[in-house]
Protein backbone atom coordinates (compact mmCIF):
# COMPACT_ATOMS: atom_id res chain seq x y z
CA MET A 1 10.77 -12.60 -9.97
CA GLY A 2 8.64 -10.09 -7.88
CA GLY A 3 5.54 -10.27 -6.20
CA GLY A 4 3.36 -8.58 -8.81
CA ASP A 5 4.99 -11.37 -11.13
CA ARG A 6 3.83 -14.18 -9.32
CA LEU A 7 0.81 -12.77 -9.01
CA ASN A 8 -0.02 -12.61 -12.25
CA LYS A 9 1.04 -16.18 -12.98
CA LEU A 10 -1.05 -17.39 -10.59
CA ASP A 11 -3.89 -15.45 -11.69
CA LYS A 12 -3.72 -17.22 -14.96
CA VAL A 13 -3.44 -20.50 -12.88
CA LYS A 14 -6.59 -19.71 -11.33
CA GLU A 15 -8.11 -19.08 -14.72
CA TYR A 16 -6.59 -22.01 -16.21
CA ALA A 17 -8.14 -24.01 -12.81
CA LEU A 18 -11.73 -22.44 -13.57
CA SER A 19 -12.16 -23.54 -17.32
CA LYS A 20 -11.25 -27.28 -16.19
CA LEU A 21 -13.45 -27.37 -13.67
CA HIS A 22 -16.12 -25.13 -14.23
CA THR A 23 -18.36 -28.09 -14.75
CA GLU A 24 -17.93 -29.81 -11.94
CA VAL A 25 -20.56 -29.17 -9.33
CA THR A 26 -19.87 -31.51 -6.53
CA ALA A 27 -17.04 -32.61 -4.56
CA HIS A 28 -14.09 -31.47 -6.99
CA ASP A 29 -14.84 -28.14 -8.30
CA PHE A 30 -13.03 -24.88 -8.14
CA SER A 31 -14.36 -23.37 -4.75
CA HIS A 32 -12.56 -26.96 -3.28
CA SER A 33 -9.32 -26.28 -5.46
CA LEU A 34 -9.10 -22.56 -4.20
CA ARG A 35 -9.79 -23.92 -0.12
CA VAL A 36 -7.13 -25.92 -0.61
CA MET A 37 -4.72 -23.42 -2.10
CA LYS A 38 -5.74 -21.29 0.80
CA ILE A 39 -5.27 -24.09 3.39
CA ALA A 40 -2.21 -24.80 2.30
CA ASN A 41 -1.34 -21.58 2.69
CA HIS A 42 -2.21 -21.66 5.98
CA ILE A 43 -0.03 -24.47 6.59
CA GLY A 44 2.66 -23.08 4.96
CA ASN A 45 2.62 -19.64 6.38
CA LYS A 46 2.74 -21.66 10.00
CA MET A 47 6.00 -23.86 9.02
CA THR A 48 9.91 -23.34 10.61
CA GLY A 49 11.27 -24.25 7.23
CA ASP A 50 11.79 -23.15 3.90
CA VAL A 51 8.56 -23.62 2.27
CA ASP A 52 7.95 -22.78 -1.65
CA MET A 53 4.64 -20.87 -1.05
CA GLU A 54 4.77 -20.66 -4.88
CA ILE A 55 4.73 -24.19 -5.70
CA ILE A 56 2.31 -24.97 -2.92
CA ASN A 57 -0.41 -22.50 -4.64
CA VAL A 58 -0.08 -23.86 -8.38
CA ALA A 59 -0.51 -27.26 -6.48
CA GLY A 60 -3.27 -26.63 -4.75
CA LEU A 61 -5.05 -25.04 -7.75
CA THR A 62 -4.54 -27.96 -9.91
CA HIS A 63 -4.31 -31.06 -8.33
CA ASP A 64 -7.51 -31.82 -9.21
CA ILE A 65 -7.31 -30.83 -12.69
CA ILE A 66 -5.50 -34.73 -13.39
CA ASP A 67 -7.68 -36.70 -11.14
CA LYS A 68 -10.10 -39.42 -13.03
CA LYS A 69 -12.78 -38.45 -11.27
CA VAL A 70 -12.52 -34.94 -13.16
CA ALA A 71 -10.70 -35.73 -16.50
CA PRO A 72 -11.77 -38.47 -18.60
CA ASN A 73 -8.30 -38.58 -19.85
CA ILE A 74 -5.78 -38.12 -17.72
CA GLU A 75 -2.62 -38.24 -19.97
CA GLU A 76 -4.08 -36.22 -22.13
CA ALA A 77 -4.78 -33.69 -18.93
CA ILE A 78 -1.03 -34.14 -17.32
CA ARG A 79 -0.14 -33.02 -21.11
CA SER A 80 -1.99 -30.02 -21.35
CA LEU A 81 -1.41 -28.88 -17.63
CA SER A 82 2.20 -29.45 -18.26
CA GLU A 83 2.21 -27.35 -21.33
CA GLU A 84 -0.46 -24.62 -20.19
CA LEU A 85 2.26 -23.89 -16.77
CA LEU A 86 5.34 -23.44 -19.26
CA LYS A 87 3.41 -21.31 -21.21
CA ILE A 88 2.43 -18.79 -18.33
CA GLY A 89 5.91 -18.43 -17.21
CA TYR A 90 7.12 -21.51 -14.94
CA THR A 91 9.98 -22.93 -15.24
CA ALA A 92 10.17 -27.07 -16.27
CA SER A 93 11.67 -27.71 -12.70
CA GLN A 94 8.76 -25.86 -11.17
CA MET A 95 6.37 -27.50 -13.50
CA GLU A 96 7.80 -30.88 -12.56
CA HIS A 97 7.70 -30.16 -9.05
CA VAL A 98 4.15 -29.39 -9.14
CA LEU A 99 3.50 -32.71 -11.03
CA ASP A 100 5.33 -34.54 -8.90
CA ILE A 101 3.20 -33.46 -5.80
CA ILE A 102 -0.55 -33.77 -7.80
CA GLN A 103 0.30 -36.92 -8.98
CA ASN A 104 1.12 -38.43 -5.39
CA LEU A 105 -2.02 -37.08 -3.82
CA SER A 106 -5.31 -39.01 -3.62
CA PHE A 107 -5.96 -41.20 -0.79
CA SER A 108 -6.71 -43.87 -3.19
CA SER A 109 -3.20 -43.93 -4.48
CA GLY A 110 -1.73 -44.25 -0.60
CA LYS A 111 1.14 -42.53 -1.54
CA THR A 112 3.21 -39.88 0.32
CA PRO A 113 4.83 -36.88 -1.66
CA ARG A 114 8.41 -36.77 -1.51
CA THR A 115 8.83 -33.02 -0.79
CA LEU A 116 7.55 -30.69 2.10
CA GLU A 117 5.46 -28.86 -0.44
CA GLY A 118 3.61 -32.09 -1.42
CA LYS A 119 3.02 -32.75 2.19
CA ILE A 120 1.42 -29.37 3.06
CA VAL A 121 -0.65 -29.81 -0.25
CA GLN A 122 -1.81 -33.41 0.84
CA ASP A 123 -2.79 -31.62 4.07
CA ALA A 124 -4.57 -29.40 3.03
CA ASP A 125 -6.82 -31.81 0.30
CA ARG A 126 -7.34 -34.39 3.52
CA LEU A 127 -8.20 -31.24 5.33
CA GLU A 128 -11.47 -30.96 3.24
CA ALA A 129 -12.49 -34.15 3.24
CA ILE A 130 -12.59 -33.94 7.62
CA GLY A 131 -15.61 -32.20 8.76
CA ALA A 132 -18.36 -29.99 7.73
CA ILE A 133 -17.68 -29.25 4.12
CA ALA A 134 -16.39 -32.99 3.89
CA ILE A 135 -19.61 -33.98 5.24
CA ALA A 136 -21.40 -31.99 2.23
CA ARG A 137 -18.80 -33.05 -0.56
CA THR A 138 -19.89 -36.76 0.38
CA PHE A 139 -23.29 -36.77 0.00
CA ALA A 140 -22.82 -34.54 -3.17
CA TYR A 141 -20.44 -36.77 -4.53
CA GLY A 142 -22.47 -39.88 -3.58
CA GLY A 143 -25.25 -38.54 -5.09
CA ARG A 144 -23.86 -37.64 -8.29
CA LEU A 145 -23.23 -41.18 -8.61
CA ASN A 146 -26.40 -42.67 -7.25
CA ARG A 147 -25.63 -44.07 -4.17
CA PRO A 148 -27.81 -44.03 -1.37
CA ILE A 149 -27.52 -42.22 1.73
CA TYR A 150 -27.31 -45.46 4.09
CA GLU A 151 -28.49 -48.91 3.94
CA GLU A 152 -27.10 -51.17 7.09
CA GLY A 153 -24.41 -53.37 5.48
CA ASP A 154 -24.08 -51.66 2.51
CA LYS A 155 -20.39 -50.42 2.17
CA SER A 156 -21.44 -48.19 -0.88
CA THR A 157 -23.28 -45.29 0.79
CA GLY A 158 -22.08 -41.79 1.49
CA ILE A 159 -22.04 -43.30 5.19
CA ALA A 160 -20.15 -45.88 4.74
CA HIS A 161 -17.37 -43.62 3.38
CA PHE A 162 -16.92 -41.85 6.76
CA TYR A 163 -15.14 -45.55 7.73
CA ASP A 164 -13.66 -46.14 4.02
CA LYS A 165 -11.88 -42.88 4.54
CA LEU A 166 -13.20 -39.67 6.44
CA LEU A 167 -12.46 -40.84 9.68
CA LEU A 168 -9.12 -42.33 9.04
CA LEU A 169 -7.48 -38.94 7.45
CA LYS A 170 -7.14 -37.66 11.03
CA ASP A 171 -4.09 -39.81 12.06
CA ARG A 172 -2.40 -39.90 8.28
CA MET A 173 -1.67 -35.97 8.52
CA HIS A 174 2.08 -34.87 8.02
CA THR A 175 2.37 -31.28 9.54
CA GLU A 176 1.82 -30.15 13.18
CA VAL A 177 -0.82 -27.64 11.83
CA GLY A 178 -2.58 -30.22 10.10
CA LYS A 179 -2.92 -32.56 12.62
CA GLU A 180 -4.11 -29.78 15.02
CA ILE A 181 -6.77 -28.70 12.69
CA ALA A 182 -7.78 -32.27 11.68
CA LEU A 183 -8.66 -33.16 15.36
CA SER A 184 -11.65 -30.63 15.88
CA ARG A 185 -13.13 -31.73 12.59
CA HIS A 186 -13.04 -34.97 12.95
CA GLU A 187 -14.92 -34.70 16.72
CA PHE A 188 -17.72 -33.08 14.21
CA MET A 189 -17.67 -35.46 12.50
CA LYS A 190 -17.98 -38.00 14.97
CA ASP A 191 -20.62 -35.35 16.51
CA TYR A 192 -22.24 -35.63 13.15
CA LEU A 193 -22.48 -39.75 12.90
CA ARG A 194 -24.37 -39.90 16.20
CA GLN A 195 -27.08 -37.15 15.41
CA PHE A 196 -27.27 -39.16 12.64
CA TYR A 197 -27.85 -42.69 13.74
CA LYS A 198 -30.31 -40.82 16.62
CA GLU A 199 -32.40 -39.53 13.70
CA TRP A 200 -32.38 -42.31 10.85
CA SER A 201 -33.62 -44.71 13.65
CA LEU A 202 -35.96 -41.95 15.48
CA GLU A 203 -34.34 -42.42 18.54
CA ASP A 204 -34.29 -38.68 19.10
CA LEU A 205 -37.89 -38.75 18.92
CA GLU A 206 -38.01 -41.21 21.82
CA GLN A 207 -35.93 -38.70 23.58
CA ASP A 208 -38.58 -35.70 23.45
CA ASN A 209 -41.20 -37.95 23.87
CA PRO A 210 -40.38 -40.08 27.13
């Protein structure tokens, strides 16, 4: 199959993903899926092994469509996605590979994708949860759930999520490329937290006014 055919199919996947995510305005919107796809491409292109980039693209775009945070009925979302991928022209084997990846992707599941493509997409999704955009996504999603920004001792806050998840991801990357990107983004989050606590306690004012 030529590159043009693959591009046309991917455009259709993008349209489908957008139709499912266009009302999502916080952490799991269409722009997030696009970034996951692009990060996965970046990682995949630097791998020395044989990587199915087509699978990576489709999994990156569709990974949140069947997530419980987005889909009210997960079984229906899986059925709909399966039918759509076959309708677009992907084989049953390709469809099953995509589903295997995105059903074993989330941090909360504690699962590790079985294929190289799955590990690459999981790294890409986790990189979206490390760094500046991750901070924005954390507070956007927390606001949607009416969670406070920070209260000392409260484990439901946005800041608590750093310790529950975000700061753990650096050491859970699969690929060397992912690990390298994660390191710099991890350090940015640590710097952010240091500054956050200074401003929360007004310690920064004391530094400015000795």
